[in-house]
Structure formats: C-alpha cells, structure tokens
Amino acid sequence: MRYYLGYPEPNPVRGRVVVEYSVPEDVEVRLGVYDVAGRRVRDLVKGRVKAGMHRLEWDRRDGRGRLLPSGVYFLRLEAGKFRETRKLLLLERGR
C-alpha cells in the first residue's frame, strides 16, 4: 500500500464523480476541490483516516451546498508529506 490519488471518474463530469485514494498508514488527510484561482471550494475529506483504500462520491457541490458551475477544477490530496493533484472538468448537467 502506498499514498495514491486516483483519477476522478468520469472526467469530464456532468453528474456525480467518484474519487479513490489510498494511504499506507493512519494519517491526517485533506482532500480538497480547488478552482483555477487556487481557492478551495470544498473539503471532501478533512481529518484522520485509517490506512487503506478509500472511495467517495462527490455531488459537485461547494462547501455551502451550491452546485458548482462548469469549468476546470483541481482535486488535491495532502496526507503527511504526500501531495498530489488531479485536474477535473465539470460540464453543464445533462438531462
């Protein structure tokens, strides 16, 4: 087991997105969503997590519960000294 941030699926995103990450030990984790200006718009995970593979679904909402507009965003995982970023493209929701 190692530190790892998977690529968000699907990408580009119209609805929900699935994110997987792993940590090799119990550790403080922050998994955030950032806009192109570098502002954190949502923390998906913030706190201590157990070692292992983790999977979550994100509904495209910001920290205030508002649906984020279409555009480029970044997922950033910080765990111990590990840092990884993945690009994410949100598209208008389809019908």
C-alpha atoms as a PDB file:
ATOM      1  CA  MET A   1       0.000   0.000   0.000  1.00  0.00           C
ATOM      2  CA  ARG A   2       1.224   3.488  -0.849  1.00  0.00           C
ATOM      3  CA  TYR A   3      -0.040   7.051  -0.996  1.00  0.00           C
ATOM      4  CA  TYR A   4      -2.155   7.427  -4.108  1.00  0.00           C
ATOM      5  CA  LEU A   5      -4.783   9.732  -5.580  1.00  0.00           C
ATOM      6  CA  GLY A   6      -6.726   8.164  -8.420  1.00  0.00           C
ATOM      7  CA  TYR A   7      -8.055   9.982 -11.442  1.00  0.00           C
ATOM      8  CA  PRO A   8     -11.635  11.176 -10.955  1.00  0.00           C
ATOM      9  CA  GLU A   9     -14.239   9.173 -12.875  1.00  0.00           C
ATOM     10  CA  PRO A  10     -15.896  10.121 -15.057  1.00  0.00           C
ATOM     11  CA  ASN A  11     -13.896  13.063 -16.313  1.00  0.00           C
ATOM     12  CA  PRO A  12     -15.316  15.309 -17.738  1.00  0.00           C
ATOM     13  CA  VAL A  13     -18.190  15.252 -15.240  1.00  0.00           C
ATOM     14  CA  ARG A  14     -21.862  16.051 -15.763  1.00  0.00           C
ATOM     15  CA  GLY A  15     -23.254  14.491 -12.583  1.00  0.00           C
ATOM     16  CA  ARG A  16     -21.516  12.816  -9.682  1.00  0.00           C
ATOM     17  CA  VAL A  17     -17.833  11.960  -9.686  1.00  0.00           C
ATOM     18  CA  VAL A  18     -16.033   9.091  -7.929  1.00  0.00           C
ATOM     19  CA  VAL A  19     -12.646   9.669  -6.306  1.00  0.00           C
ATOM     20  CA  GLU A  20     -10.364   6.965  -4.900  1.00  0.00           C
ATOM     21  CA  TYR A  21      -7.289   7.448  -2.765  1.00  0.00           C
ATOM     22  CA  SER A  22      -5.107   5.316  -0.542  1.00  0.00           C
ATOM     23  CA  VAL A  23      -2.826   5.906   2.420  1.00  0.00           C
ATOM     24  CA  PRO A  24      -0.373   3.344   3.818  1.00  0.00           C
ATOM     25  CA  GLU A  25      -0.885   4.372   7.462  1.00  0.00           C
ATOM     26  CA  ASP A  26      -3.375   6.137   9.709  1.00  0.00           C
ATOM     27  CA  VAL A  27      -2.779   9.799   8.881  1.00  0.00           C
ATOM     28  CA  GLU A  28      -4.306  13.297   8.762  1.00  0.00           C
ATOM     29  CA  VAL A  29      -5.765  13.821   5.283  1.00  0.00           C
ATOM     30  CA  ARG A  30      -7.153  16.780   3.407  1.00  0.00           C
ATOM     31  CA  LEU A  31      -8.779  16.102   0.054  1.00  0.00           C
ATOM     32  CA  GLY A  32      -9.981  19.393  -1.360  1.00  0.00           C
ATOM     33  CA  VAL A  33     -11.543  20.779  -4.505  1.00  0.00           C
ATOM     34  CA  TYR A  34      -9.956  23.985  -5.832  1.00  0.00           C
ATOM     35  CA  ASP A  35     -10.928  26.386  -8.593  1.00  0.00           C
ATOM     36  CA  VAL A  36      -8.475  27.666 -11.232  1.00  0.00           C
ATOM     37  CA  ALA A  37      -7.591  30.639  -8.996  1.00  0.00           C
ATOM     38  CA  GLY A  38      -6.421  28.209  -6.294  1.00  0.00           C
ATOM     39  CA  ARG A  39      -9.326  28.872  -3.928  1.00  0.00           C
ATOM     40  CA  ARG A  40     -10.538  25.843  -2.000  1.00  0.00           C
ATOM     41  CA  VAL A  41     -14.243  25.479  -2.760  1.00  0.00           C
ATOM     42  CA  ARG A  42     -14.860  22.254  -0.844  1.00  0.00           C
ATOM     43  CA  ASP A  43     -13.162  19.841   1.527  1.00  0.00           C
ATOM     44  CA  LEU A  44     -14.205  16.303   0.642  1.00  0.00           C
ATOM     45  CA  VAL A  45     -12.106  14.802   3.437  1.00  0.00           C
ATOM     46  CA  LYS A  46     -10.518  16.635   6.350  1.00  0.00           C
ATOM     47  CA  GLY A  47      -9.270  14.664   9.318  1.00  0.00           C
ATOM     48  CA  ARG A  48      -7.598  11.448  10.355  1.00  0.00           C
ATOM     49  CA  VAL A  49      -8.278   8.397   8.182  1.00  0.00           C
ATOM     50  CA  LYS A  50      -7.291   4.766   8.578  1.00  0.00           C
ATOM     51  CA  ALA A  51      -4.728   3.091   6.352  1.00  0.00           C
ATOM     52  CA  GLY A  52      -6.184   1.568   3.199  1.00  0.00           C
ATOM     53  CA  MET A  53      -8.056   2.347   0.008  1.00  0.00           C
ATOM     54  CA  HIS A  54     -10.865   4.894   0.259  1.00  0.00           C
ATOM     55  CA  ARG A  55     -13.577   5.749  -2.257  1.00  0.00           C
ATOM     56  CA  LEU A  56     -16.059   8.592  -2.217  1.00  0.00           C
ATOM     57  CA  GLU A  57     -18.684  10.172  -4.426  1.00  0.00           C
ATOM     58  CA  TRP A  58     -18.889  13.932  -4.831  1.00  0.00           C
ATOM     59  CA  ASP A  59     -22.069  15.670  -5.978  1.00  0.00           C
ATOM     60  CA  ARG A  60     -20.352  18.780  -7.455  1.00  0.00           C
ATOM     61  CA  ARG A  61     -21.456  20.978  -4.568  1.00  0.00           C
ATOM     62  CA  ASP A  62     -19.262  23.531  -2.841  1.00  0.00           C
ATOM     63  CA  GLY A  63     -18.834  23.905   0.917  1.00  0.00           C
ATOM     64  CA  ARG A  64     -22.109  25.858   1.136  1.00  0.00           C
ATOM     65  CA  GLY A  65     -24.140  23.249  -0.735  1.00  0.00           C
ATOM     66  CA  ARG A  66     -24.308  25.139  -4.032  1.00  0.00           C
ATOM     67  CA  LEU A  67     -23.823  23.318  -7.332  1.00  0.00           C
ATOM     68  CA  LEU A  68     -20.518  24.434  -8.852  1.00  0.00           C
ATOM     69  CA  PRO A  69     -20.623  25.985 -12.323  1.00  0.00           C
ATOM     70  CA  SER A  70     -18.986  24.370 -15.332  1.00  0.00           C
ATOM     71  CA  GLY A  71     -15.240  24.820 -15.530  1.00  0.00           C
ATOM     72  CA  VAL A  72     -11.839  23.436 -14.617  1.00  0.00           C
ATOM     73  CA  TYR A  73     -11.225  22.391 -11.020  1.00  0.00           C
ATOM     74  CA  PHE A  74      -8.493  20.503  -9.209  1.00  0.00           C
ATOM     75  CA  LEU A  75      -8.608  17.731  -6.622  1.00  0.00           C
ATOM     76  CA  ARG A  76      -5.691  17.929  -4.198  1.00  0.00           C
ATOM     77  CA  LEU A  77      -4.747  15.237  -1.698  1.00  0.00           C
ATOM     78  CA  GLU A  78      -2.478  16.163   1.216  1.00  0.00           C
ATOM     79  CA  ALA A  79      -1.515  13.349   3.570  1.00  0.00           C
ATOM     80  CA  GLY A  80       1.634  13.543   5.677  1.00  0.00           C
ATOM     81  CA  LYS A  81       4.320  14.791   3.288  1.00  0.00           C
ATOM     82  CA  PHE A  82       2.451  13.426   0.253  1.00  0.00           C
ATOM     83  CA  ARG A  83       0.854  15.877  -2.194  1.00  0.00           C
ATOM     84  CA  GLU A  84      -0.944  15.012  -5.441  1.00  0.00           C
ATOM     85  CA  THR A  85      -3.276  16.979  -7.708  1.00  0.00           C
ATOM     86  CA  ARG A  86      -5.682  15.845 -10.423  1.00  0.00           C
ATOM     87  CA  LYS A  87      -7.480  18.031 -12.969  1.00  0.00           C
ATOM     88  CA  LEU A  88     -11.249  17.806 -13.230  1.00  0.00           C
ATOM     89  CA  LEU A  89     -13.579  19.309 -15.834  1.00  0.00           C
ATOM     90  CA  LEU A  90     -17.161  19.990 -14.764  1.00  0.00           C
ATOM     91  CA  LEU A  91     -19.677  20.305 -17.594  1.00  0.00           C
ATOM     92  CA  GLU A  92     -23.238  21.546 -17.601  1.00  0.00           C
ATOM     93  CA  ARG A  93     -25.524  18.881 -16.220  1.00  0.00           C
ATOM     94  CA  GLY A  94     -27.254  16.864 -18.920  1.00  0.00           C
ATOM     95  CA  ARG A  95     -30.897  15.975 -18.938  1.00  0.00           C
END
